[in-house]
Amino acid sequence: MLVRNPYARLLTGVALAAVALSTGCSVTTENSGNEVSVGTGSIKKDAALSGQTIAVGSKDFTENIVLGQLTMVALKAAGATVTDRTNIKGSVNTRQALLSGDLDVYWEYTGTAWITYLKHTDPIADSQQQYAAVVTEDKEKNKVVWAAPASANNTYSIAVREDKAKEWNLKTLSDLAAFTKSNPAQGTFCLESEFLGRNDGWPGLTKAYGMSVPAGSVKSVDTGIVYTETQKGTSCNFGEVFTTDGRISNLKLVTLEDDKKFFPIYNPALTINGATAAKYPSLATLLDPITAKLDDATLRQLNEQVDVKGQPAAQVAADWMKKQGFIA
């Protein structure tokens, strides 16, 4: 399985500069010039982390950068000093930085760890079992510690326009399979080239759901084009998307339920370098209240603010943390 990069638009050059204040610290985002107070909210000062420097990383796509920024805000609120190493190019490079100790923490996805790093061919269909298997094996083999997972699942899905989903009564991929059989002329798809050749993509999907779609009804397009073409509905009625992408809501698309649980599960969770976790045990639970709120809809909203509305990821993260009461 290849490493997935779910966002075509990358956010670069986002950094946080912290200045100590009596009530907490001030965060300046380079892209906006705005200052955000990171005072004490529900996240309290942690004596074990106070004054300690934690290197926070992320991969180079919007959602992972936002998760990195959320982590930095939380650490600052707990009293730590952070080193911003977000926006590392590629999953493998980011993972290696964690293993080597260049990073203390970053957010990883259960499916990516299981298939790409731990080299398993078949994913585990149950999200909790998949998480538990990753946690156990990654700690044994690599001394990587996983914090609690978010319920959000940034996996593949098939999307359709909201109005057509209602008109055609489509809610699940089984509904789609039946629809394409009885309405072959309407069963047109826009897919990215990688998805077309992956076992956990189009070949496996059509087999799992018993779909027989003529090659002429399938168009290979760039990742970003899938969303706009599906919204237009001229060249395709259905498109392959990532479930937490902010463009889904913005373009009034809906994702169809994977009722046969074909697609691998990609729950995000904070991963911690083994030596760091041993030195600062509270890191494993610091973000639990934040993680608990990160469902599909929330990540879509945060991603949309960056990818669609053009807001800096650091500002989006800080604003959300204030709204939730994690910081003052």
Protein backbone atom coordinates (compact mmCIF):
# COMPACT_ATOMS: atom_id res chain seq x y z
CA MET A 1 0.00 0.00 0.00
CA LEU A 2 1.35 3.42 -0.90
CA VAL A 3 1.42 6.23 1.61
CA ARG A 4 -1.70 8.33 1.29
CA ASN A 5 -1.59 12.12 0.97
CA PRO A 6 -5.21 13.24 1.19
CA TYR A 7 -4.85 16.91 0.34
CA ALA A 8 -3.68 18.48 -2.89
CA ARG A 9 -3.25 21.92 -1.38
CA LEU A 10 -0.41 22.11 1.10
CA LEU A 11 0.07 24.76 3.72
CA THR A 12 3.66 25.89 3.99
CA GLY A 13 5.59 28.20 6.23
CA VAL A 14 3.21 28.15 9.19
CA ALA A 15 5.10 28.70 12.44
CA LEU A 16 4.35 29.76 15.99
CA ALA A 17 6.43 32.29 17.92
CA ALA A 18 5.78 32.28 21.65
CA VAL A 19 6.28 35.18 24.05
CA ALA A 20 5.77 34.58 27.75
CA LEU A 21 2.96 36.48 29.42
CA SER A 22 1.83 36.54 33.01
CA THR A 23 -1.44 34.86 32.05
CA GLY A 24 0.09 32.32 29.68
CA CYS A 25 1.76 33.05 26.37
CA SER A 26 1.08 34.86 23.13
CA VAL A 27 1.14 33.06 19.80
CA THR A 28 1.80 34.97 16.59
CA THR A 29 0.96 33.33 13.29
CA GLU A 30 3.33 34.37 10.52
CA ASN A 31 0.67 34.31 7.81
CA SER A 32 -1.78 36.53 9.64
CA GLY A 33 0.21 38.61 12.10
CA ASN A 34 -2.55 38.02 14.64
CA GLU A 35 -1.75 37.36 18.29
CA VAL A 36 -3.71 34.74 20.18
CA SER A 37 -3.63 34.52 23.96
CA VAL A 38 -2.92 31.01 25.19
CA GLY A 39 -4.01 31.32 28.77
CA THR A 40 -5.29 28.74 31.20
CA GLY A 41 -8.59 27.18 30.22
CA SER A 42 -9.53 23.58 30.93
CA ILE A 43 -5.95 22.56 30.10
CA LYS A 44 -4.00 23.27 33.29
CA LYS A 45 -0.31 23.73 33.92
CA ASP A 46 1.58 20.45 34.12
CA ALA A 47 4.53 20.52 36.51
CA ALA A 48 6.28 17.71 34.64
CA LEU A 49 6.05 19.60 31.32
CA SER A 50 6.55 23.14 32.59
CA GLY A 51 9.66 24.66 31.03
CA GLN A 52 10.43 21.52 29.02
CA THR A 53 10.97 21.72 25.25
CA ILE A 54 8.87 19.39 23.09
CA ALA A 55 9.45 19.05 19.34
CA VAL A 56 6.11 18.77 17.52
CA GLY A 57 5.98 17.56 13.94
CA SER A 58 3.42 16.88 11.25
CA LYS A 59 3.17 15.63 7.70
CA ASP A 60 2.79 18.09 4.85
CA PHE A 61 -0.98 18.16 4.33
CA THR A 62 -3.56 20.43 5.90
CA GLU A 63 -5.24 18.09 8.38
CA ASN A 64 -1.97 16.82 9.85
CA ILE A 65 -0.62 20.35 10.11
CA VAL A 66 -3.77 21.45 11.95
CA LEU A 67 -3.41 18.52 14.34
CA GLY A 68 0.19 19.57 14.95
CA GLN A 69 -0.91 23.11 15.70
CA LEU A 70 -3.58 21.88 18.14
CA THR A 71 -0.86 19.92 19.91
CA MET A 72 1.41 22.95 20.19
CA VAL A 73 -1.35 25.09 21.67
CA ALA A 74 -2.14 22.39 24.23
CA LEU A 75 1.51 22.00 25.20
CA LYS A 76 1.93 25.75 25.61
CA ALA A 77 -1.15 25.87 27.81
CA ALA A 78 0.39 23.09 29.93
CA GLY A 79 3.53 25.19 30.36
CA ALA A 80 5.87 23.53 27.88
CA THR A 81 8.04 25.24 25.28
CA VAL A 82 7.49 23.87 21.78
CA THR A 83 9.71 23.51 18.76
CA ASP A 84 7.64 23.74 15.58
CA ARG A 85 8.68 21.05 13.12
CA THR A 86 5.37 20.71 11.32
CA ASN A 87 5.00 20.36 7.54
CA ILE A 88 7.57 17.59 6.96
CA LYS A 89 7.35 16.24 3.43
CA GLY A 90 6.09 12.67 3.34
CA SER A 91 4.79 10.16 5.86
CA VAL A 92 7.97 8.07 5.88
CA ASN A 93 10.18 11.09 6.61
CA THR A 94 7.91 12.21 9.44
CA ARG A 95 7.81 8.76 10.96
CA GLN A 96 11.59 8.42 10.75
CA ALA A 97 12.01 11.76 12.52
CA LEU A 98 9.92 10.42 15.41
CA LEU A 99 11.89 7.17 15.61
CA SER A 100 15.23 9.01 15.58
CA GLY A 101 14.16 11.46 18.28
CA ASP A 102 14.20 14.52 16.04
CA LEU A 103 10.49 14.71 16.85
CA ASP A 104 8.92 14.04 20.21
CA VAL A 105 5.33 13.82 18.95
CA TYR A 106 3.20 13.91 15.81
CA TRP A 107 -0.22 12.62 14.74
CA GLU A 108 -0.34 9.37 12.79
CA TYR A 109 -3.18 7.30 11.32
CA THR A 110 -3.86 3.72 12.41
CA GLY A 111 -4.23 2.39 8.87
CA THR A 112 -0.98 4.00 7.73
CA ALA A 113 0.95 2.54 10.66
CA TRP A 114 -0.54 -0.92 10.25
CA ILE A 115 -0.01 -1.24 6.51
CA THR A 116 2.88 1.09 5.68
CA TYR A 117 5.13 0.91 8.75
CA LEU A 118 4.22 -2.46 10.27
CA LYS A 119 3.96 -4.06 6.81
CA HIS A 120 0.62 -5.83 7.11
CA THR A 121 -1.28 -6.56 3.90
CA ASP A 122 -4.82 -6.72 5.24
CA PRO A 123 -6.39 -4.04 7.45
CA ILE A 124 -8.52 -4.90 10.49
CA ALA A 125 -12.16 -3.93 9.94
CA ASP A 126 -12.99 -2.99 13.55
CA SER A 127 -11.50 0.40 14.49
CA GLN A 128 -10.82 -0.46 18.14
CA GLN A 129 -9.21 -3.77 17.23
CA GLN A 130 -7.12 -2.04 14.56
CA TYR A 131 -5.98 0.58 17.06
CA ALA A 132 -5.18 -2.01 19.74
CA ALA A 133 -3.15 -4.09 17.31
CA VAL A 134 -1.16 -1.04 16.17
CA VAL A 135 -0.51 0.12 19.74
CA THR A 136 0.80 -3.27 20.85
CA GLU A 137 3.01 -4.02 17.85
CA ASP A 138 4.40 -0.50 17.43
CA LYS A 139 5.45 -0.34 21.07
CA GLU A 140 7.05 -3.78 20.96
CA LYS A 141 8.93 -3.22 17.71
CA ASN A 142 9.62 0.53 17.73
CA LYS A 143 8.94 1.74 21.30
CA VAL A 144 6.40 4.19 19.87
CA VAL A 145 3.61 5.11 22.31
CA TRP A 146 0.13 5.90 20.96
CA ALA A 147 -2.29 8.22 22.75
CA ALA A 148 -6.05 7.72 22.45
CA PRO A 149 -7.45 7.76 18.88
CA ALA A 150 -9.97 10.24 17.50
CA SER A 151 -13.25 8.90 16.18
CA ALA A 152 -12.61 10.70 12.87
CA ASN A 153 -11.71 8.34 10.06
CA ASN A 154 -9.80 9.94 7.21
CA THR A 155 -10.31 7.11 4.77
CA TYR A 156 -11.61 6.80 1.23
CA SER A 157 -15.25 7.24 0.32
CA ILE A 158 -17.46 7.78 -2.71
CA ALA A 159 -19.26 11.12 -2.80
CA VAL A 160 -22.27 12.42 -4.70
CA ARG A 161 -24.11 15.75 -4.77
CA GLU A 162 -26.59 16.21 -1.94
CA ASP A 163 -29.54 16.76 -4.26
CA LYS A 164 -28.80 13.65 -6.30
CA ALA A 165 -28.31 11.52 -3.18
CA LYS A 166 -31.83 12.49 -2.14
CA GLU A 167 -33.31 12.12 -5.62
CA TRP A 168 -31.76 8.69 -6.14
CA ASN A 169 -32.19 7.59 -2.49
CA LEU A 170 -28.51 6.79 -2.03
CA LYS A 171 -27.13 6.36 1.48
CA THR A 172 -24.71 3.43 1.27
CA LEU A 173 -22.28 1.91 -1.19
CA SER A 174 -24.66 -1.04 -1.48
CA ASP A 175 -27.29 1.44 -2.64
CA LEU A 176 -24.78 2.73 -5.18
CA ALA A 177 -24.05 -0.77 -6.48
CA ALA A 178 -27.76 -1.38 -7.04
CA PHE A 179 -28.17 2.04 -8.64
CA THR A 180 -25.34 1.57 -11.15
CA LYS A 181 -26.83 -1.76 -12.17
CA SER A 182 -30.30 -0.35 -12.84
CA ASN A 183 -29.09 3.07 -14.11
CA PRO A 184 -25.80 2.41 -15.93
CA ALA A 185 -25.89 5.71 -17.85
CA GLN A 186 -25.86 7.65 -14.55
CA GLY A 187 -23.10 5.52 -13.03
CA THR A 188 -20.18 7.76 -13.99
CA PHE A 189 -17.12 8.14 -11.76
CA CYS A 190 -14.17 10.52 -11.32
CA LEU A 191 -11.23 8.81 -9.63
CA GLU A 192 -7.60 9.71 -9.01
CA SER A 193 -5.03 7.52 -10.77
CA GLU A 194 -3.62 5.98 -7.57
CA PHE A 195 -7.08 4.90 -6.41
CA LEU A 196 -7.70 3.20 -9.75
CA GLY A 197 -4.83 0.76 -9.19
CA ARG A 198 -4.92 0.10 -5.44
CA ASN A 199 -6.26 -3.09 -3.90
CA ASP A 200 -7.97 -0.93 -1.29
CA GLY A 201 -9.25 1.30 -4.10
CA TRP A 202 -11.36 0.81 -7.19
CA PRO A 203 -10.52 -2.84 -8.06
CA GLY A 204 -11.23 -4.05 -4.54
CA LEU A 205 -14.26 -1.79 -4.10
CA THR A 206 -16.03 -3.01 -7.24
CA LYS A 207 -15.32 -6.61 -6.28
CA ALA A 208 -16.53 -6.18 -2.69
CA TYR A 209 -19.79 -4.56 -3.76
CA GLY A 210 -20.36 -6.50 -6.95
CA MET A 211 -20.25 -3.44 -9.19
CA SER A 212 -19.62 -3.78 -12.91
CA VAL A 213 -18.87 -0.32 -14.30
CA PRO A 214 -17.73 0.04 -17.95
CA ALA A 215 -14.26 1.54 -18.37
CA GLY A 216 -15.79 4.36 -20.41
CA SER A 217 -17.78 5.47 -17.37
CA VAL A 218 -14.64 5.98 -15.27
CA LYS A 219 -12.44 9.07 -15.65
CA SER A 220 -8.97 9.41 -14.14
CA VAL A 221 -8.41 12.97 -12.87
CA ASP A 222 -6.20 14.82 -10.38
CA THR A 223 -7.20 14.63 -6.72
CA GLY A 224 -8.46 18.19 -6.46
CA ILE A 225 -10.42 17.92 -9.71
CA VAL A 226 -12.44 14.99 -8.36
CA TYR A 227 -14.29 17.27 -5.97
CA THR A 228 -15.16 20.01 -8.44
CA GLU A 229 -16.13 17.61 -11.23
CA THR A 230 -18.38 15.63 -8.89
CA GLN A 231 -20.02 18.86 -7.79
CA LYS A 232 -20.61 19.93 -11.40
CA GLY A 233 -22.12 16.58 -12.31
CA THR A 234 -21.28 16.86 -16.01
CA SER A 235 -18.40 14.45 -16.50
CA CYS A 236 -19.20 12.32 -13.44
CA ASN A 237 -21.93 11.86 -10.85
CA PHE A 238 -19.71 10.13 -8.31
CA GLY A 239 -16.19 10.83 -7.07
CA GLU A 240 -13.59 9.26 -4.81
CA VAL A 241 -12.88 11.52 -1.83
CA PHE A 242 -11.31 11.52 1.62
CA THR A 243 -13.89 11.51 4.38
CA THR A 244 -12.55 14.46 6.41
CA ASP A 245 -11.78 16.78 3.47
CA GLY A 246 -13.26 20.24 4.00
CA ARG A 247 -14.34 20.51 0.38
CA ILE A 248 -17.05 17.90 0.91
CA SER A 249 -19.22 20.26 2.95
CA ASN A 250 -18.23 23.35 1.01
CA LEU A 251 -19.29 21.82 -2.33
CA LYS A 252 -22.47 20.29 -0.86
CA LEU A 253 -21.40 16.71 -1.42
CA VAL A 254 -22.30 13.73 0.74
CA THR A 255 -20.31 10.56 1.31
CA LEU A 256 -21.93 7.16 1.00
CA GLU A 257 -21.64 4.80 3.95
CA ASP A 258 -19.18 1.94 3.49
CA ASP A 259 -21.72 -0.55 4.86
CA LYS A 260 -19.54 -3.58 4.09
CA LYS A 261 -16.55 -1.92 5.79
CA PHE A 262 -14.30 -2.38 2.79
CA PHE A 263 -12.04 0.66 3.17
CA PRO A 264 -9.20 0.59 5.74
CA ILE A 265 -9.65 2.63 8.91
CA TYR A 266 -7.50 5.73 9.36
CA ASN A 267 -8.15 7.06 12.87
CA PRO A 268 -5.65 9.79 13.85
CA ALA A 269 -3.85 9.64 17.18
CA LEU A 270 -0.88 11.37 18.76
CA THR A 271 2.25 9.21 18.56
CA ILE A 272 5.11 9.73 20.98
CA ASN A 273 8.78 8.81 20.77
CA GLY A 274 9.47 6.05 23.31
CA ALA A 275 12.15 7.92 25.25
CA THR A 276 9.98 11.05 25.35
CA ALA A 277 6.98 9.07 26.59
CA ALA A 278 9.06 7.55 29.38
CA LYS A 279 10.36 10.98 30.42
CA TYR A 280 6.96 12.72 30.23
CA PRO A 281 4.20 10.14 30.88
CA SER A 282 1.48 12.82 30.97
CA LEU A 283 1.97 13.45 27.24
CA ALA A 284 -0.01 10.28 26.55
CA THR A 285 -3.16 11.72 28.13
CA LEU A 286 -2.73 15.51 27.80
CA LEU A 287 -4.66 15.70 24.54
CA ASP A 288 -7.40 13.20 25.44
CA PRO A 289 -10.14 15.84 25.90
CA ILE A 290 -9.18 17.40 22.56
CA THR A 291 -9.00 14.06 20.76
CA ALA A 292 -12.47 13.14 22.06
CA LYS A 293 -13.98 16.03 20.08
CA LEU A 294 -12.28 15.25 16.77
CA ASP A 295 -14.96 13.51 14.74
CA ASP A 296 -15.33 13.61 10.95
CA ALA A 297 -17.48 16.75 10.96
CA THR A 298 -15.07 18.67 13.20
CA LEU A 299 -12.00 17.85 11.12
CA ARG A 300 -13.89 18.72 7.93
CA GLN A 301 -14.73 22.10 9.42
CA LEU A 302 -11.15 22.78 10.49
CA ASN A 303 -9.76 21.63 7.13
CA GLU A 304 -12.31 23.77 5.29
CA GLN A 305 -11.22 26.90 7.13
CA VAL A 306 -7.69 26.35 5.87
CA ASP A 307 -8.21 24.85 2.40
CA VAL A 308 -11.32 26.77 1.34
CA LYS A 309 -11.27 29.97 3.38
CA GLY A 310 -7.50 30.42 3.35
CA GLN A 311 -7.00 30.88 7.08
CA PRO A 312 -3.61 29.95 8.63
CA ALA A 313 -3.66 26.55 10.32
CA ALA A 314 -2.15 27.99 13.51
CA GLN A 315 -4.95 30.54 13.80
CA VAL A 316 -7.64 27.94 13.04
CA ALA A 317 -6.25 25.66 15.74
CA ALA A 318 -6.00 28.40 18.38
CA ASP A 319 -9.50 29.73 17.63
CA TRP A 320 -11.03 26.26 17.92
CA MET A 321 -9.18 25.60 21.18
CA LYS A 322 -10.52 28.85 22.64
CA LYS A 323 -14.05 28.10 21.45
CA GLN A 324 -13.93 24.70 23.15
CA GLY A 325 -12.61 26.24 26.37
CA PHE A 326 -9.27 24.43 26.32
CA ILE A 327 -7.46 27.78 26.50
CA ALA A 328 -8.61 31.16 27.76
